Amino acid sequence: MTWLKRRGASAVLALGLGSISCQDGYPIAPTLCDEWCEETRHVSCFNEDPAACVASCEKSGLTHGACRDLTTKTVQCLRENPEPKLDCQTQYVALGPCADAQEAAIECGSSAYTGNPTQR
């Protein structure tokens, strides 16, 4: 193979590999737990690691059975109401329009984790 052909083949390989690694954002669609953690971090005074939040969500049962719809509704509500009123310094949290939905999803997920899913 001549020098010019080797350089051309290397350039094509580099472009091909470069296009794989230059995707926008994460290469797979977010899971419901990814979405839950992204949205609930705005309404919590806890600074939880995103990976730990997703693992906890998956373990809790928030995305299983009867809880899935409640979790989806909570995520949707939080997206539609993005500006909660939190004051973590004084421990005062003004409950927003999604508080009931979030509480129901968490209660359901906790019940599912213990083997007794409930739905409000």
C-alpha atoms as a PDB file:
ATOM      1  CA  MET A   1       0.000   0.000   0.000  1.00  0.00           C
ATOM      2  CA  THR A   2       1.411   3.359  -0.898  1.00  0.00           C
ATOM      3  CA  TRP A   3       1.903   6.153   1.592  1.00  0.00           C
ATOM      4  CA  LEU A   4      -0.993   8.163   0.079  1.00  0.00           C
ATOM      5  CA  LYS A   5      -3.415   5.207   0.299  1.00  0.00           C
ATOM      6  CA  ARG A   6      -2.412   4.524   3.937  1.00  0.00           C
ATOM      7  CA  ARG A   7      -2.979   8.191   4.842  1.00  0.00           C
ATOM      8  CA  GLY A   8      -6.360   8.138   3.090  1.00  0.00           C
ATOM      9  CA  ALA A   9      -7.418   4.932   4.877  1.00  0.00           C
ATOM     10  CA  SER A  10      -6.294   6.386   8.210  1.00  0.00           C
ATOM     11  CA  ALA A  11      -8.251   9.580   7.571  1.00  0.00           C
ATOM     12  CA  VAL A  12     -11.432   7.638   6.733  1.00  0.00           C
ATOM     13  CA  LEU A  13     -11.027   5.477   9.858  1.00  0.00           C
ATOM     14  CA  ALA A  14     -10.447   8.541  12.043  1.00  0.00           C
ATOM     15  CA  LEU A  15     -13.512  10.300  10.646  1.00  0.00           C
ATOM     16  CA  GLY A  16     -15.639   7.207  11.190  1.00  0.00           C
ATOM     17  CA  LEU A  17     -14.505   6.751  14.775  1.00  0.00           C
ATOM     18  CA  GLY A  18     -14.800  10.465  15.452  1.00  0.00           C
ATOM     19  CA  SER A  19     -18.427  10.527  14.357  1.00  0.00           C
ATOM     20  CA  ILE A  20     -19.250   7.745  16.825  1.00  0.00           C
ATOM     21  CA  SER A  21     -17.774   9.586  19.799  1.00  0.00           C
ATOM     22  CA  CYS A  22     -19.217  12.997  18.874  1.00  0.00           C
ATOM     23  CA  GLN A  23     -22.877  12.164  19.407  1.00  0.00           C
ATOM     24  CA  ASP A  24     -25.055  14.749  21.090  1.00  0.00           C
ATOM     25  CA  GLY A  25     -25.386  13.883  24.757  1.00  0.00           C
ATOM     26  CA  TYR A  26     -25.735  10.365  26.070  1.00  0.00           C
ATOM     27  CA  PRO A  27     -26.045   7.761  23.287  1.00  0.00           C
ATOM     28  CA  ILE A  28     -29.189   6.057  24.649  1.00  0.00           C
ATOM     29  CA  ALA A  29     -32.597   7.433  25.541  1.00  0.00           C
ATOM     30  CA  PRO A  30     -33.077   8.316  29.211  1.00  0.00           C
ATOM     31  CA  THR A  31     -34.992   5.855  31.350  1.00  0.00           C
ATOM     32  CA  LEU A  32     -37.947   6.872  33.490  1.00  0.00           C
ATOM     33  CA  CYS A  33     -35.597   6.824  36.500  1.00  0.00           C
ATOM     34  CA  ASP A  34     -33.189   9.164  34.658  1.00  0.00           C
ATOM     35  CA  GLU A  35     -36.104  11.538  34.047  1.00  0.00           C
ATOM     36  CA  TRP A  36     -37.367  11.184  37.643  1.00  0.00           C
ATOM     37  CA  CYS A  37     -33.956  12.086  39.047  1.00  0.00           C
ATOM     38  CA  GLU A  38     -33.488  15.010  36.675  1.00  0.00           C
ATOM     39  CA  GLU A  39     -36.852  16.537  37.544  1.00  0.00           C
ATOM     40  CA  THR A  40     -36.943  15.827  41.282  1.00  0.00           C
ATOM     41  CA  ARG A  41     -33.490  17.306  41.893  1.00  0.00           C
ATOM     42  CA  HIS A  42     -35.171  20.700  41.403  1.00  0.00           C
ATOM     43  CA  VAL A  43     -37.614  20.063  44.259  1.00  0.00           C
ATOM     44  CA  SER A  44     -35.277  18.565  46.806  1.00  0.00           C
ATOM     45  CA  CYS A  45     -32.785  20.049  49.227  1.00  0.00           C
ATOM     46  CA  PHE A  46     -30.733  16.839  49.067  1.00  0.00           C
ATOM     47  CA  ASN A  47     -27.734  16.984  46.756  1.00  0.00           C
ATOM     48  CA  GLU A  48     -27.814  13.340  45.661  1.00  0.00           C
ATOM     49  CA  ASP A  49     -25.398  11.935  43.110  1.00  0.00           C
ATOM     50  CA  PRO A  50     -27.341  11.343  39.843  1.00  0.00           C
ATOM     51  CA  ALA A  51     -26.104   7.746  39.516  1.00  0.00           C
ATOM     52  CA  ALA A  52     -27.098   7.009  43.123  1.00  0.00           C
ATOM     53  CA  CYS A  53     -30.513   8.554  42.504  1.00  0.00           C
ATOM     54  CA  VAL A  54     -31.101   6.361  39.425  1.00  0.00           C
ATOM     55  CA  ALA A  55     -29.981   3.242  41.301  1.00  0.00           C
ATOM     56  CA  SER A  56     -32.284   4.102  44.208  1.00  0.00           C
ATOM     57  CA  CYS A  57     -35.184   4.772  41.831  1.00  0.00           C
ATOM     58  CA  GLU A  58     -34.709   1.457  40.055  1.00  0.00           C
ATOM     59  CA  LYS A  59     -34.484  -0.418  43.346  1.00  0.00           C
ATOM     60  CA  SER A  60     -37.523   1.305  44.874  1.00  0.00           C
ATOM     61  CA  GLY A  61     -40.093   0.149  42.350  1.00  0.00           C
ATOM     62  CA  LEU A  62     -41.039   3.609  41.063  1.00  0.00           C
ATOM     63  CA  THR A  63     -41.046   2.329  37.491  1.00  0.00           C
ATOM     64  CA  HIS A  64     -42.748  -1.015  38.061  1.00  0.00           C
ATOM     65  CA  GLY A  65     -46.374  -2.035  37.815  1.00  0.00           C
ATOM     66  CA  ALA A  66     -48.932   0.386  39.219  1.00  0.00           C
ATOM     67  CA  CYS A  67     -46.227   2.902  40.181  1.00  0.00           C
ATOM     68  CA  ARG A  68     -45.046   3.559  36.623  1.00  0.00           C
ATOM     69  CA  ASP A  69     -48.042   5.754  35.740  1.00  0.00           C
ATOM     70  CA  LEU A  70     -47.706   7.758  38.967  1.00  0.00           C
ATOM     71  CA  THR A  71     -44.000   8.302  38.336  1.00  0.00           C
ATOM     72  CA  THR A  72     -44.639   9.323  34.724  1.00  0.00           C
ATOM     73  CA  LYS A  73     -47.351  11.797  35.826  1.00  0.00           C
ATOM     74  CA  THR A  74     -45.015  13.279  38.433  1.00  0.00           C
ATOM     75  CA  VAL A  75     -42.198  13.734  35.910  1.00  0.00           C
ATOM     76  CA  GLN A  76     -44.648  15.344  33.473  1.00  0.00           C
ATOM     77  CA  CYS A  77     -46.014  17.664  36.181  1.00  0.00           C
ATOM     78  CA  LEU A  78     -42.525  18.717  37.261  1.00  0.00           C
ATOM     79  CA  ARG A  79     -41.593  19.484  33.649  1.00  0.00           C
ATOM     80  CA  GLU A  80     -44.695  21.628  33.255  1.00  0.00           C
ATOM     81  CA  ASN A  81     -44.009  23.444  36.546  1.00  0.00           C
ATOM     82  CA  PRO A  82     -40.227  23.960  36.505  1.00  0.00           C
ATOM     83  CA  GLU A  83     -39.880  26.705  39.106  1.00  0.00           C
ATOM     84  CA  PRO A  84     -40.598  25.326  42.583  1.00  0.00           C
ATOM     85  CA  LYS A  85     -40.155  27.581  45.574  1.00  0.00           C
ATOM     86  CA  LEU A  86     -37.457  26.026  47.750  1.00  0.00           C
ATOM     87  CA  ASP A  87     -35.545  27.577  50.587  1.00  0.00           C
ATOM     88  CA  CYS A  88     -33.136  24.896  51.773  1.00  0.00           C
ATOM     89  CA  GLN A  89     -31.362  27.296  54.152  1.00  0.00           C
ATOM     90  CA  THR A  90     -34.394  27.636  56.432  1.00  0.00           C
ATOM     91  CA  GLN A  91     -35.778  24.152  55.738  1.00  0.00           C
ATOM     92  CA  TYR A  92     -38.918  25.800  54.338  1.00  0.00           C
ATOM     93  CA  VAL A  93     -40.322  24.141  51.261  1.00  0.00           C
ATOM     94  CA  ALA A  94     -43.374  25.642  49.609  1.00  0.00           C
ATOM     95  CA  LEU A  95     -45.170  22.647  48.172  1.00  0.00           C
ATOM     96  CA  GLY A  96     -45.786  23.137  44.496  1.00  0.00           C
ATOM     97  CA  PRO A  97     -48.533  21.789  42.272  1.00  0.00           C
ATOM     98  CA  CYS A  98     -46.753  18.429  41.917  1.00  0.00           C
ATOM     99  CA  ALA A  99     -46.330  17.609  45.614  1.00  0.00           C
ATOM    100  CA  ASP A 100     -49.333  15.264  45.804  1.00  0.00           C
ATOM    101  CA  ALA A 101     -48.312  13.394  42.643  1.00  0.00           C
ATOM    102  CA  GLN A 102     -44.736  13.072  43.862  1.00  0.00           C
ATOM    103  CA  GLU A 103     -45.844  11.848  47.291  1.00  0.00           C
ATOM    104  CA  ALA A 104     -48.166   9.253  45.698  1.00  0.00           C
ATOM    105  CA  ALA A 105     -45.383   7.974  43.417  1.00  0.00           C
ATOM    106  CA  ILE A 106     -42.906   7.721  46.289  1.00  0.00           C
ATOM    107  CA  GLU A 107     -45.455   5.958  48.499  1.00  0.00           C
ATOM    108  CA  CYS A 108     -46.263   3.528  45.699  1.00  0.00           C
ATOM    109  CA  GLY A 109     -42.585   2.887  44.967  1.00  0.00           C
ATOM    110  CA  SER A 110     -41.866   2.242  48.639  1.00  0.00           C
ATOM    111  CA  SER A 111     -44.805  -0.150  48.853  1.00  0.00           C
ATOM    112  CA  ALA A 112     -43.709  -1.924  45.668  1.00  0.00           C
ATOM    113  CA  TYR A 113     -40.233  -2.338  47.132  1.00  0.00           C
ATOM    114  CA  THR A 114     -41.686  -4.050  50.184  1.00  0.00           C
ATOM    115  CA  GLY A 115     -43.974  -6.192  48.007  1.00  0.00           C
ATOM    116  CA  ASN A 116     -47.296  -4.394  48.463  1.00  0.00           C
ATOM    117  CA  PRO A 117     -47.794  -1.756  45.711  1.00  0.00           C
ATOM    118  CA  THR A 118     -50.531   0.751  46.384  1.00  0.00           C
ATOM    119  CA  GLN A 119     -51.960   3.390  44.119  1.00  0.00           C
ATOM    120  CA  ARG A 120     -53.741   6.539  45.201  1.00  0.00           C
END
